[in-house]
């Protein structure tokens, strides 16, 4: 699994992103965003995992990834906040 950041979620941007970062035979799993479609992803296998708040899944890999990344980001921002102080000249 690879994580990367796209500039935005427009179809043209996602097409360029997929061509640069996803192998032609690579499987793509998304959260059901409309711009992630055959025009932007090409012939890559695509699984949409749309989930409403009313139906949480026990073994949802996308939700686990979102949670892991958000917790990592929170930890990094929290532990580094104020840790580096500028030196006085």
C-alpha atoms as a PDB file:
ATOM      1  CA  UNK A   1       0.000   0.000   0.000  1.00  0.00           C
ATOM      2  CA  UNK A   2       1.199   3.488  -0.817  1.00  0.00           C
ATOM      3  CA  UNK A   3      -0.081   6.813   0.414  1.00  0.00           C
ATOM      4  CA  UNK A   4       0.413   9.974  -1.593  1.00  0.00           C
ATOM      5  CA  UNK A   5      -1.204  13.373  -1.789  1.00  0.00           C
ATOM      6  CA  UNK A   6      -2.993  14.722  -4.886  1.00  0.00           C
ATOM      7  CA  UNK A   7      -3.248  18.475  -5.455  1.00  0.00           C
ATOM      8  CA  UNK A   8      -7.064  18.371  -5.554  1.00  0.00           C
ATOM      9  CA  UNK A   9      -9.885  15.961  -6.352  1.00  0.00           C
ATOM     10  CA  UNK A  10     -10.712  17.082  -9.889  1.00  0.00           C
ATOM     11  CA  UNK A  11     -10.967  14.359 -12.516  1.00  0.00           C
ATOM     12  CA  UNK A  12      -8.047  15.674 -14.624  1.00  0.00           C
ATOM     13  CA  UNK A  13      -5.801  15.873 -11.555  1.00  0.00           C
ATOM     14  CA  UNK A  14      -6.734  12.343 -10.474  1.00  0.00           C
ATOM     15  CA  UNK A  15      -6.035  11.031 -13.982  1.00  0.00           C
ATOM     16  CA  UNK A  16      -2.546  12.572 -13.960  1.00  0.00           C
ATOM     17  CA  UNK A  17      -2.015  11.304 -10.394  1.00  0.00           C
ATOM     18  CA  UNK A  18      -3.068   7.738 -11.318  1.00  0.00           C
ATOM     19  CA  UNK A  19      -0.795   7.705 -14.363  1.00  0.00           C
ATOM     20  CA  UNK A  20       2.185   8.858 -12.285  1.00  0.00           C
ATOM     21  CA  UNK A  21       1.654   6.867  -9.077  1.00  0.00           C
ATOM     22  CA  UNK A  22      -0.509   3.782  -9.734  1.00  0.00           C
ATOM     23  CA  UNK A  23       0.676   0.811 -11.783  1.00  0.00           C
ATOM     24  CA  UNK A  24      -1.521  -0.087 -14.766  1.00  0.00           C
ATOM     25  CA  UNK A  25      -2.530  -3.360 -13.085  1.00  0.00           C
ATOM     26  CA  UNK A  26      -2.737  -1.812  -9.597  1.00  0.00           C
ATOM     27  CA  UNK A  27      -5.996  -2.129  -7.698  1.00  0.00           C
ATOM     28  CA  UNK A  28      -7.554   1.109  -6.493  1.00  0.00           C
ATOM     29  CA  UNK A  29      -9.912   1.344  -3.515  1.00  0.00           C
ATOM     30  CA  UNK A  30     -11.716   4.639  -2.981  1.00  0.00           C
ATOM     31  CA  UNK A  31     -14.443   6.047  -0.775  1.00  0.00           C
ATOM     32  CA  UNK A  32     -16.838   6.529  -3.715  1.00  0.00           C
ATOM     33  CA  UNK A  33     -15.762   9.987  -4.866  1.00  0.00           C
ATOM     34  CA  UNK A  34     -17.464  10.690  -8.213  1.00  0.00           C
ATOM     35  CA  UNK A  35     -14.271  11.904  -9.896  1.00  0.00           C
ATOM     36  CA  UNK A  36     -12.619   8.508  -9.261  1.00  0.00           C
ATOM     37  CA  UNK A  37     -14.090   6.850 -12.328  1.00  0.00           C
ATOM     38  CA  UNK A  38     -12.908   4.946 -15.433  1.00  0.00           C
ATOM     39  CA  UNK A  39     -11.995   8.229 -17.161  1.00  0.00           C
ATOM     40  CA  UNK A  40      -9.587   9.176 -14.369  1.00  0.00           C
ATOM     41  CA  UNK A  41      -8.409   5.697 -13.321  1.00  0.00           C
ATOM     42  CA  UNK A  42      -8.222   4.079 -16.757  1.00  0.00           C
ATOM     43  CA  UNK A  43      -8.551   0.281 -16.846  1.00  0.00           C
ATOM     44  CA  UNK A  44      -7.292  -0.201 -13.289  1.00  0.00           C
ATOM     45  CA  UNK A  45      -9.466  -2.444 -11.096  1.00  0.00           C
ATOM     46  CA  UNK A  46     -11.522  -0.124  -8.890  1.00  0.00           C
ATOM     47  CA  UNK A  47     -13.453  -0.928  -5.732  1.00  0.00           C
ATOM     48  CA  UNK A  48     -15.681   1.752  -4.231  1.00  0.00           C
ATOM     49  CA  UNK A  49     -16.307   1.433  -0.518  1.00  0.00           C
ATOM     50  CA  UNK A  50     -19.158   3.839   0.246  1.00  0.00           C
ATOM     51  CA  UNK A  51     -20.183   3.891   3.871  1.00  0.00           C
ATOM     52  CA  UNK A  52     -22.814   5.959   5.632  1.00  0.00           C
ATOM     53  CA  UNK A  53     -22.495   6.894   9.309  1.00  0.00           C
ATOM     54  CA  UNK A  54     -25.455   4.629  10.052  1.00  0.00           C
ATOM     55  CA  UNK A  55     -23.637   1.501   8.921  1.00  0.00           C
ATOM     56  CA  UNK A  56     -20.121   1.262  10.364  1.00  0.00           C
ATOM     57  CA  UNK A  57     -18.194  -1.807   9.297  1.00  0.00           C
ATOM     58  CA  UNK A  58     -16.008  -3.818  11.610  1.00  0.00           C
ATOM     59  CA  UNK A  59     -13.283  -4.601   9.070  1.00  0.00           C
ATOM     60  CA  UNK A  60     -13.190  -1.547   6.859  1.00  0.00           C
ATOM     61  CA  UNK A  61      -9.645  -1.020   5.603  1.00  0.00           C
ATOM     62  CA  UNK A  62     -10.245   2.525   4.335  1.00  0.00           C
ATOM     63  CA  UNK A  63     -11.631   3.634   7.673  1.00  0.00           C
ATOM     64  CA  UNK A  64      -8.616   2.104   9.401  1.00  0.00           C
ATOM     65  CA  UNK A  65      -6.256   3.983   7.069  1.00  0.00           C
ATOM     66  CA  UNK A  66      -8.089   7.283   7.641  1.00  0.00           C
ATOM     67  CA  UNK A  67      -7.979   6.776  11.414  1.00  0.00           C
ATOM     68  CA  UNK A  68      -4.300   5.793  11.409  1.00  0.00           C
ATOM     69  CA  UNK A  69      -3.240   8.767   9.294  1.00  0.00           C
ATOM     70  CA  UNK A  70      -5.299  11.247  11.316  1.00  0.00           C
ATOM     71  CA  UNK A  71      -3.883   9.934  14.604  1.00  0.00           C
ATOM     72  CA  UNK A  72      -0.332  10.039  13.228  1.00  0.00           C
ATOM     73  CA  UNK A  73      -0.854  13.609  12.049  1.00  0.00           C
ATOM     74  CA  UNK A  74      -2.293  14.630  15.418  1.00  0.00           C
ATOM     75  CA  UNK A  75       0.620  12.990  17.249  1.00  0.00           C
ATOM     76  CA  UNK A  76       3.250  14.596  15.008  1.00  0.00           C
ATOM     77  CA  UNK A  77       1.720  18.052  15.301  1.00  0.00           C
ATOM     78  CA  UNK A  78       1.200  17.680  19.036  1.00  0.00           C
ATOM     79  CA  UNK A  79       4.652  16.369  19.920  1.00  0.00           C
ATOM     80  CA  UNK A  80       6.511  18.879  17.769  1.00  0.00           C
ATOM     81  CA  UNK A  81       4.477  21.916  18.839  1.00  0.00           C
ATOM     82  CA  UNK A  82       6.805  24.269  20.653  1.00  0.00           C
ATOM     83  CA  UNK A  83       9.670  21.764  20.691  1.00  0.00           C
ATOM     84  CA  UNK A  84      11.918  23.885  18.486  1.00  0.00           C
ATOM     85  CA  UNK A  85      12.516  27.411  19.681  1.00  0.00           C
ATOM     86  CA  UNK A  86      14.218  30.043  17.538  1.00  0.00           C
ATOM     87  CA  UNK A  87      17.622  31.171  18.736  1.00  0.00           C
ATOM     88  CA  UNK A  88      18.105  34.776  19.746  1.00  0.00           C
ATOM     89  CA  UNK A  89      20.841  36.600  17.786  1.00  0.00           C
END
